[in-house]
């Protein structure tokens, strides 16, 4: 997919998410809607979901794709790295990431985007895996960062 096509697709997805999630202020409903749209509209998204912090544990939340790891080992893998480093991470080849947690052997590349609540605290991460190497780039990072800010935005309805 060309950069122009990818950017346009993300812009359409963002508008659709904004329209849909205004009906509720529930972060769980919003996460579920975001996951469903991204998973079905982005062709290289093999596993799309959220892991959230629960009393110091990182546990699976709304997702689509194969069965997920329910709880991720503390301070291990890409999701924890995104939380600990307080930034989005793009991993072109998960086999080369130290401590990668392989919930599915089909996963080849990954992007993780931290989710901040209204007080600026990281409460979750959006995690997307692809069956392709090098599936994610700065366009994905920038657009997904915009999308996750919608989770804790004020409801318009």
N, C-alpha and C. Protein backbone atom coordinates (compact mmCIF):
# COMPACT_ATOMS: atom_id res chain seq x y z
N UNK A 1 0.86 -1.17 0.00
CA UNK A 1 0.00 0.00 0.00
C UNK A 1 0.91 1.24 0.00
N UNK A 2 0.63 2.17 -0.87
CA UNK A 2 1.44 3.40 -0.95
C UNK A 2 1.20 4.25 0.30
N UNK A 3 2.14 5.15 0.58
CA UNK A 3 1.99 6.05 1.74
C UNK A 3 0.73 6.89 1.63
N UNK A 4 0.43 7.37 0.43
CA UNK A 4 -0.75 8.20 0.22
C UNK A 4 -2.03 7.39 0.49
N UNK A 5 -2.07 6.18 0.00
CA UNK A 5 -3.23 5.31 0.21
C UNK A 5 -3.39 4.99 1.70
N UNK A 6 -2.27 4.66 2.36
CA UNK A 6 -2.32 4.32 3.78
C UNK A 6 -2.80 5.51 4.61
N UNK A 7 -2.25 6.68 4.35
CA UNK A 7 -2.66 7.88 5.09
C UNK A 7 -4.15 8.16 4.88
N UNK A 8 -4.61 8.06 3.64
CA UNK A 8 -6.03 8.27 3.34
C UNK A 8 -6.91 7.27 4.06
N UNK A 9 -6.49 6.03 4.10
CA UNK A 9 -7.27 5.01 4.79
C UNK A 9 -7.36 5.33 6.29
N UNK A 10 -6.23 5.67 6.89
CA UNK A 10 -6.25 6.03 8.30
C UNK A 10 -7.15 7.23 8.56
N UNK A 11 -7.13 8.21 7.68
CA UNK A 11 -7.99 9.39 7.88
C UNK A 11 -9.47 9.00 7.84
N UNK A 12 -9.83 8.11 6.93
CA UNK A 12 -11.22 7.64 6.86
C UNK A 12 -11.59 6.85 8.11
N UNK A 13 -10.67 6.00 8.58
CA UNK A 13 -10.91 5.21 9.79
C UNK A 13 -11.07 6.14 10.99
N UNK A 14 -10.22 7.15 11.10
CA UNK A 14 -10.31 8.10 12.20
C UNK A 14 -11.67 8.79 12.23
N UNK A 15 -12.14 9.24 11.07
CA UNK A 15 -13.45 9.89 11.01
C UNK A 15 -14.56 8.92 11.43
N UNK A 16 -14.46 7.68 10.97
CA UNK A 16 -15.48 6.69 11.32
C UNK A 16 -15.47 6.40 12.81
N UNK A 17 -14.28 6.27 13.39
CA UNK A 17 -14.17 6.04 14.83
C UNK A 17 -14.79 7.20 15.59
N UNK A 18 -14.46 8.43 15.20
CA UNK A 18 -15.01 9.61 15.87
C UNK A 18 -16.53 9.61 15.85
N UNK A 19 -17.11 9.24 14.72
CA UNK A 19 -18.57 9.18 14.61
C UNK A 19 -19.16 8.12 15.52
N UNK A 20 -18.54 6.97 15.57
CA UNK A 20 -19.10 5.84 16.31
C UNK A 20 -18.94 5.98 17.83
N UNK A 21 -17.79 6.42 18.29
CA UNK A 21 -17.54 6.38 19.73
C UNK A 21 -18.18 7.52 20.49
N UNK A 22 -18.70 8.52 19.80
CA UNK A 22 -19.38 9.62 20.48
C UNK A 22 -20.60 9.17 21.26
N UNK A 23 -21.10 7.99 20.96
CA UNK A 23 -22.30 7.48 21.63
C UNK A 23 -22.05 7.08 23.08
N UNK A 24 -20.78 6.91 23.47
CA UNK A 24 -20.48 6.47 24.82
C UNK A 24 -19.14 7.02 25.28
N UNK A 25 -19.01 7.20 26.56
CA UNK A 25 -17.73 7.61 27.13
C UNK A 25 -16.95 6.43 27.67
N UNK A 26 -17.47 5.22 27.51
CA UNK A 26 -16.83 4.02 28.05
C UNK A 26 -15.53 3.72 27.29
N UNK A 27 -14.40 3.72 28.00
CA UNK A 27 -13.14 3.36 27.35
C UNK A 27 -13.17 1.96 26.74
N UNK A 28 -13.86 1.02 27.41
CA UNK A 28 -13.91 -0.36 26.91
C UNK A 28 -14.67 -0.43 25.59
N UNK A 29 -15.79 0.27 25.51
CA UNK A 29 -16.55 0.30 24.25
C UNK A 29 -15.74 0.96 23.15
N UNK A 30 -15.07 2.03 23.49
CA UNK A 30 -14.27 2.74 22.51
C UNK A 30 -13.09 1.87 22.01
N UNK A 31 -12.43 1.20 22.93
CA UNK A 31 -11.34 0.30 22.55
C UNK A 31 -11.85 -0.80 21.63
N UNK A 32 -12.98 -1.37 21.95
CA UNK A 32 -13.55 -2.45 21.14
C UNK A 32 -13.84 -1.99 19.72
N UNK A 33 -14.41 -0.79 19.61
CA UNK A 33 -14.74 -0.24 18.30
C UNK A 33 -13.47 0.05 17.50
N UNK A 34 -12.48 0.63 18.16
CA UNK A 34 -11.21 0.93 17.50
C UNK A 34 -10.56 -0.34 16.97
N UNK A 35 -10.52 -1.37 17.80
CA UNK A 35 -9.92 -2.64 17.40
C UNK A 35 -10.64 -3.24 16.19
N UNK A 36 -11.96 -3.25 16.24
CA UNK A 36 -12.73 -3.85 15.14
C UNK A 36 -12.47 -3.11 13.83
N UNK A 37 -12.51 -1.80 13.86
CA UNK A 37 -12.29 -1.04 12.62
C UNK A 37 -10.88 -1.24 12.09
N UNK A 38 -9.88 -1.09 12.94
CA UNK A 38 -8.50 -1.26 12.48
C UNK A 38 -8.25 -2.66 11.95
N UNK A 39 -8.72 -3.64 12.69
CA UNK A 39 -8.43 -5.03 12.31
C UNK A 39 -9.02 -5.39 10.94
N UNK A 40 -10.20 -4.88 10.67
CA UNK A 40 -10.87 -5.25 9.43
C UNK A 40 -10.59 -4.32 8.26
N UNK A 41 -10.02 -3.15 8.53
CA UNK A 41 -9.78 -2.19 7.45
C UNK A 41 -8.30 -2.05 7.07
N UNK A 42 -7.40 -2.58 7.89
CA UNK A 42 -5.98 -2.51 7.57
C UNK A 42 -5.50 -3.92 7.22
N UNK A 43 -5.12 -4.13 5.98
CA UNK A 43 -4.87 -5.49 5.49
C UNK A 43 -3.74 -6.24 6.17
N UNK A 44 -2.74 -5.56 6.71
CA UNK A 44 -1.61 -6.27 7.31
C UNK A 44 -1.76 -6.48 8.81
N UNK A 45 -2.92 -6.10 9.38
CA UNK A 45 -3.13 -6.27 10.82
C UNK A 45 -3.60 -7.69 11.10
N UNK A 46 -2.71 -8.51 11.65
CA UNK A 46 -2.99 -9.92 11.94
C UNK A 46 -3.61 -10.08 13.33
N UNK A 47 -3.09 -9.35 14.30
CA UNK A 47 -3.63 -9.34 15.66
C UNK A 47 -3.68 -7.89 16.09
N UNK A 48 -4.85 -7.45 16.55
CA UNK A 48 -5.06 -6.05 16.90
C UNK A 48 -5.77 -6.00 18.24
N UNK A 49 -5.15 -5.36 19.22
CA UNK A 49 -5.81 -5.32 20.52
C UNK A 49 -5.13 -4.43 21.54
N UNK A 50 -5.72 -4.43 22.70
CA UNK A 50 -5.21 -3.64 23.81
C UNK A 50 -4.78 -4.55 24.95
N UNK A 51 -3.69 -4.16 25.60
CA UNK A 51 -3.31 -4.72 26.88
C UNK A 51 -3.40 -3.58 27.87
N UNK A 52 -3.99 -3.82 29.04
CA UNK A 52 -4.17 -2.75 30.01
C UNK A 52 -3.51 -3.11 31.34
N UNK A 53 -3.12 -2.07 32.05
CA UNK A 53 -2.50 -2.25 33.36
C UNK A 53 -3.58 -2.50 34.40
N UNK A 54 -3.41 -3.57 35.17
CA UNK A 54 -4.36 -3.96 36.21
C UNK A 54 -3.56 -4.37 37.44
N UNK A 55 -3.47 -3.46 38.42
CA UNK A 55 -2.71 -3.72 39.64
C UNK A 55 -1.28 -4.17 39.35
N UNK A 56 -0.62 -3.51 38.41
CA UNK A 56 0.77 -3.82 38.08
C UNK A 56 0.96 -4.93 37.06
N UNK A 57 -0.13 -5.58 36.66
CA UNK A 57 -0.06 -6.61 35.63
C UNK A 57 -0.51 -6.03 34.30
N UNK A 58 -0.01 -6.58 33.22
CA UNK A 58 -0.44 -6.19 31.88
C UNK A 58 -1.27 -7.33 31.31
N UNK A 59 -2.59 -7.09 31.22
CA UNK A 59 -3.52 -8.14 30.83
C UNK A 59 -4.26 -7.76 29.55
N UNK A 60 -4.70 -8.77 28.84
CA UNK A 60 -5.36 -8.53 27.56
C UNK A 60 -6.72 -7.89 27.75
N UNK A 61 -7.03 -6.97 26.87
CA UNK A 61 -8.32 -6.31 26.82
C UNK A 61 -9.00 -6.65 25.50
N UNK A 62 -9.78 -5.73 24.96
CA UNK A 62 -10.46 -5.99 23.68
C UNK A 62 -9.43 -6.28 22.58
N UNK A 63 -9.69 -7.33 21.81
CA UNK A 63 -8.80 -7.65 20.69
C UNK A 63 -9.53 -8.44 19.62
N UNK A 64 -8.89 -8.51 18.45
CA UNK A 64 -9.35 -9.37 17.36
C UNK A 64 -8.14 -10.05 16.76
N UNK A 65 -8.34 -11.32 16.42
CA UNK A 65 -7.26 -12.15 15.90
C UNK A 65 -7.21 -13.44 16.68
N UNK A 66 -6.12 -14.19 16.52
CA UNK A 66 -5.99 -15.46 17.24
C UNK A 66 -5.98 -15.24 18.76
N UNK A 67 -6.20 -16.30 19.50
CA UNK A 67 -6.20 -16.24 20.96
C UNK A 67 -4.91 -15.58 21.43
N UNK A 68 -5.05 -14.70 22.40
CA UNK A 68 -3.92 -13.89 22.88
C UNK A 68 -3.34 -14.44 24.18
N UNK A 69 -2.13 -13.99 24.49
CA UNK A 69 -1.58 -14.20 25.82
C UNK A 69 -2.46 -13.39 26.77
N UNK A 70 -2.92 -14.00 27.85
CA UNK A 70 -3.83 -13.31 28.75
C UNK A 70 -3.12 -12.31 29.66
N UNK A 71 -1.89 -12.63 30.05
CA UNK A 71 -1.12 -11.76 30.93
C UNK A 71 0.33 -11.80 30.45
N UNK A 72 0.93 -10.63 30.30
CA UNK A 72 2.31 -10.56 29.80
C UNK A 72 3.29 -10.47 30.97
N UNK A 73 4.36 -11.25 30.87
CA UNK A 73 5.38 -11.27 31.92
C UNK A 73 5.92 -9.86 32.15
N UNK A 74 5.98 -9.49 33.41
CA UNK A 74 6.39 -8.14 33.83
C UNK A 74 7.71 -7.72 33.19
N UNK A 75 7.71 -6.52 32.62
CA UNK A 75 8.90 -5.88 32.06
C UNK A 75 9.58 -6.70 30.96
N UNK A 76 8.78 -7.47 30.23
CA UNK A 76 9.30 -8.29 29.14
C UNK A 76 8.47 -8.02 27.89
N UNK A 77 9.11 -8.01 26.74
CA UNK A 77 8.40 -7.89 25.48
C UNK A 77 8.17 -6.45 25.05
N UNK A 78 7.56 -6.31 23.88
CA UNK A 78 7.36 -5.02 23.23
C UNK A 78 6.34 -4.16 23.99
N UNK A 79 5.26 -4.77 24.45
CA UNK A 79 4.23 -3.99 25.16
C UNK A 79 4.80 -3.35 26.42
N UNK A 80 5.50 -4.12 27.22
CA UNK A 80 6.10 -3.56 28.44
C UNK A 80 7.16 -2.53 28.08
N UNK A 81 7.92 -2.75 27.01
CA UNK A 81 8.93 -1.77 26.61
C UNK A 81 8.26 -0.44 26.26
N UNK A 82 7.13 -0.48 25.57
CA UNK A 82 6.40 0.75 25.24
C UNK A 82 5.94 1.49 26.48
N UNK A 83 5.51 0.74 27.49
CA UNK A 83 5.08 1.35 28.75
C UNK A 83 6.29 1.91 29.50
N UNK A 84 7.33 1.11 29.64
CA UNK A 84 8.50 1.54 30.42
C UNK A 84 9.24 2.70 29.77
N UNK A 85 9.26 2.73 28.44
CA UNK A 85 9.94 3.82 27.73
C UNK A 85 9.01 4.99 27.44
N UNK A 86 7.72 4.81 27.74
CA UNK A 86 6.70 5.85 27.54
C UNK A 86 6.69 6.39 26.11
N UNK A 87 6.72 5.43 25.16
CA UNK A 87 6.70 5.84 23.75
C UNK A 87 6.24 4.68 22.88
N UNK A 88 5.83 5.03 21.67
CA UNK A 88 5.45 4.02 20.69
C UNK A 88 6.71 3.31 20.20
N UNK A 89 6.55 2.04 19.89
CA UNK A 89 7.66 1.25 19.38
C UNK A 89 7.25 0.53 18.11
N UNK A 90 8.11 0.59 17.11
CA UNK A 90 7.93 -0.17 15.88
C UNK A 90 9.02 -1.24 15.85
N UNK A 91 8.60 -2.49 15.71
CA UNK A 91 9.55 -3.60 15.68
C UNK A 91 9.44 -4.27 14.31
N UNK A 92 10.42 -4.03 13.42
CA UNK A 92 10.36 -4.58 12.06
C UNK A 92 10.43 -6.10 12.01
N UNK A 93 11.15 -6.70 12.98
CA UNK A 93 11.31 -8.16 13.04
C UNK A 93 11.29 -8.57 14.51
N UNK A 94 10.19 -9.18 14.93
CA UNK A 94 10.04 -9.52 16.36
C UNK A 94 11.09 -10.52 16.84
N UNK A 95 11.62 -11.32 15.94
CA UNK A 95 12.65 -12.29 16.33
C UNK A 95 13.92 -11.59 16.82
N UNK A 96 14.11 -10.35 16.41
CA UNK A 96 15.31 -9.60 16.79
C UNK A 96 15.09 -8.70 18.00
N UNK A 97 13.89 -8.73 18.57
CA UNK A 97 13.60 -7.92 19.75
C UNK A 97 13.88 -8.73 21.01
N UNK A 98 14.83 -8.28 21.84
CA UNK A 98 15.15 -9.03 23.06
C UNK A 98 13.94 -9.19 23.97
N UNK A 99 13.66 -10.41 24.36
CA UNK A 99 12.56 -10.68 25.27
C UNK A 99 11.18 -10.69 24.63
N UNK A 100 11.13 -10.71 23.29
CA UNK A 100 9.82 -10.72 22.61
C UNK A 100 8.97 -11.87 23.13
N UNK A 101 7.70 -11.59 23.36
CA UNK A 101 6.75 -12.61 23.82
C UNK A 101 5.97 -13.08 22.60
N UNK A 102 6.14 -14.33 22.25
CA UNK A 102 5.50 -14.88 21.06
C UNK A 102 4.17 -15.53 21.41
N UNK A 103 3.11 -14.75 21.37
CA UNK A 103 1.78 -15.32 21.60
C UNK A 103 1.36 -16.13 20.38
N UNK A 104 1.87 -15.74 19.20
CA UNK A 104 1.64 -16.50 17.97
C UNK A 104 2.93 -16.53 17.17
N UNK A 105 3.30 -17.72 16.73
CA UNK A 105 4.52 -17.86 15.93
C UNK A 105 4.37 -17.22 14.55
N UNK A 106 3.14 -16.88 14.16
CA UNK A 106 2.91 -16.26 12.85
C UNK A 106 3.25 -14.77 12.85
N UNK A 107 3.36 -14.17 14.02
CA UNK A 107 3.67 -12.75 14.13
C UNK A 107 5.12 -12.51 13.71
N UNK A 108 5.31 -11.54 12.80
CA UNK A 108 6.66 -11.22 12.30
C UNK A 108 7.10 -9.81 12.63
N UNK A 109 6.15 -8.86 12.70
CA UNK A 109 6.49 -7.48 13.08
C UNK A 109 5.37 -6.94 13.96
N UNK A 110 5.68 -5.82 14.65
CA UNK A 110 4.74 -5.35 15.67
C UNK A 110 4.89 -3.84 15.87
N UNK A 111 3.79 -3.23 16.27
CA UNK A 111 3.81 -1.84 16.71
C UNK A 111 3.02 -1.75 18.01
N UNK A 112 3.54 -0.97 18.94
CA UNK A 112 2.89 -0.76 20.24
C UNK A 112 2.77 0.74 20.46
N UNK A 113 1.57 1.17 20.87
CA UNK A 113 1.29 2.59 21.10
C UNK A 113 0.70 2.75 22.50
N UNK A 114 1.37 3.50 23.38
CA UNK A 114 0.83 3.72 24.73
C UNK A 114 -0.49 4.49 24.69
N UNK A 115 -1.36 4.18 25.64
CA UNK A 115 -2.65 4.86 25.80
C UNK A 115 -2.60 5.60 27.13
N UNK A 116 -2.83 6.91 27.06
CA UNK A 116 -2.80 7.77 28.24
C UNK A 116 -4.22 8.14 28.65
N UNK A 117 -4.48 8.13 29.96
CA UNK A 117 -5.80 8.58 30.44
C UNK A 117 -5.82 10.10 30.51
N UNK A 118 -6.90 10.65 31.04
CA UNK A 118 -7.07 12.11 31.09
C UNK A 118 -6.04 12.82 31.98
N UNK A 119 -5.43 12.09 32.90
CA UNK A 119 -4.43 12.70 33.77
C UNK A 119 -3.00 12.51 33.24
N UNK A 120 -2.87 11.90 32.07
CA UNK A 120 -1.56 11.72 31.46
C UNK A 120 -0.82 10.47 31.90
N UNK A 121 -1.52 9.57 32.54
CA UNK A 121 -0.93 8.31 33.01
C UNK A 121 -1.15 7.21 31.97
N UNK A 122 -0.12 6.41 31.69
CA UNK A 122 -0.28 5.28 30.78
C UNK A 122 -1.14 4.23 31.47
N UNK A 123 -2.23 3.82 30.80
CA UNK A 123 -3.13 2.83 31.38
C UNK A 123 -3.24 1.58 30.51
N UNK A 124 -2.73 1.66 29.28
CA UNK A 124 -2.84 0.53 28.35
C UNK A 124 -1.89 0.76 27.18
N UNK A 125 -1.82 -0.23 26.31
CA UNK A 125 -1.14 -0.08 25.03
C UNK A 125 -2.00 -0.69 23.94
N UNK A 126 -1.97 -0.07 22.77
CA UNK A 126 -2.52 -0.68 21.57
C UNK A 126 -1.39 -1.51 20.99
N UNK A 127 -1.65 -2.76 20.72
CA UNK A 127 -0.65 -3.69 20.20
C UNK A 127 -1.17 -4.25 18.89
N UNK A 128 -0.37 -4.12 17.83
CA UNK A 128 -0.76 -4.66 16.53
C UNK A 128 0.39 -5.51 16.00
N UNK A 129 0.05 -6.72 15.59
CA UNK A 129 1.02 -7.64 14.98
C UNK A 129 0.68 -7.86 13.52
N UNK A 130 1.71 -8.18 12.76
CA UNK A 130 1.53 -8.50 11.34
C UNK A 130 2.27 -9.80 11.02
N UNK A 131 1.78 -10.50 10.02
CA UNK A 131 2.46 -11.70 9.53
C UNK A 131 3.62 -11.33 8.61
N UNK A 132 3.75 -10.05 8.29
CA UNK A 132 4.81 -9.58 7.38
C UNK A 132 5.91 -8.90 8.17
N UNK A 133 7.14 -9.06 7.73
CA UNK A 133 8.24 -8.30 8.28
C UNK A 133 8.09 -6.84 7.85
N UNK A 134 8.57 -5.92 8.65
CA UNK A 134 8.58 -4.49 8.31
C UNK A 134 7.21 -3.97 7.90
N UNK A 135 6.17 -4.40 8.55
CA UNK A 135 4.81 -4.00 8.15
C UNK A 135 4.43 -2.59 8.62
N UNK A 136 5.15 -2.06 9.59
CA UNK A 136 4.74 -0.79 10.20
C UNK A 136 5.80 0.29 10.01
N UNK A 137 5.34 1.54 9.92
CA UNK A 137 6.25 2.66 9.72
C UNK A 137 5.75 3.87 10.48
N UNK A 138 6.36 5.03 10.21
CA UNK A 138 5.99 6.26 10.92
C UNK A 138 4.55 6.68 10.65
N UNK A 139 4.02 6.36 9.47
CA UNK A 139 2.62 6.68 9.18
C UNK A 139 1.72 5.93 10.15
N UNK A 140 1.96 4.62 10.30
CA UNK A 140 1.18 3.83 11.25
C UNK A 140 1.30 4.42 12.65
N UNK A 141 2.52 4.72 13.07
CA UNK A 141 2.73 5.27 14.40
C UNK A 141 1.97 6.57 14.60
N UNK A 142 2.13 7.51 13.69
CA UNK A 142 1.46 8.81 13.84
C UNK A 142 -0.06 8.68 13.86
N UNK A 143 -0.60 7.87 12.96
CA UNK A 143 -2.05 7.74 12.88
C UNK A 143 -2.62 6.97 14.06
N UNK A 144 -1.94 5.91 14.49
CA UNK A 144 -2.42 5.15 15.64
C UNK A 144 -2.34 5.98 16.92
N UNK A 145 -1.32 6.82 17.03
CA UNK A 145 -1.22 7.71 18.19
C UNK A 145 -2.42 8.66 18.23
N UNK A 146 -2.85 9.16 17.09
CA UNK A 146 -4.04 10.02 17.04
C UNK A 146 -5.29 9.24 17.46
N UNK A 147 -5.40 8.03 16.95
CA UNK A 147 -6.58 7.21 17.22
C UNK A 147 -6.72 6.90 18.71
N UNK A 148 -5.64 6.52 19.39
CA UNK A 148 -5.77 6.13 20.80
C UNK A 148 -6.11 7.31 21.70
N UNK A 149 -5.85 8.54 21.25
CA UNK A 149 -6.23 9.69 22.08
C UNK A 149 -7.75 9.81 22.20
N UNK A 150 -8.48 9.20 21.29
CA UNK A 150 -9.93 9.27 21.30
C UNK A 150 -10.56 8.45 22.43
N UNK A 151 -9.81 7.51 22.99
CA UNK A 151 -10.37 6.62 24.01
C UNK A 151 -10.86 7.39 25.23
N UNK A 152 -10.10 8.39 25.64
CA UNK A 152 -10.46 9.14 26.86
C UNK A 152 -10.94 10.55 26.57
N UNK A 153 -11.21 10.86 25.31
CA UNK A 153 -11.79 12.16 24.97
C UNK A 153 -13.21 12.24 25.51
N UNK A 154 -13.66 13.44 25.78
CA UNK A 154 -15.02 13.62 26.28
C UNK A 154 -16.03 13.15 25.23
N UNK A 155 -17.08 12.53 25.71
CA UNK A 155 -18.17 12.08 24.84
C UNK A 155 -18.96 13.27 24.35
N UNK A 156 -19.34 13.23 23.08
CA UNK A 156 -20.11 14.34 22.53
C UNK A 156 -21.62 14.10 22.62
N UNK A 157 -22.04 12.94 23.11
CA UNK A 157 -23.47 12.63 23.20
C UNK A 157 -23.86 12.29 24.61
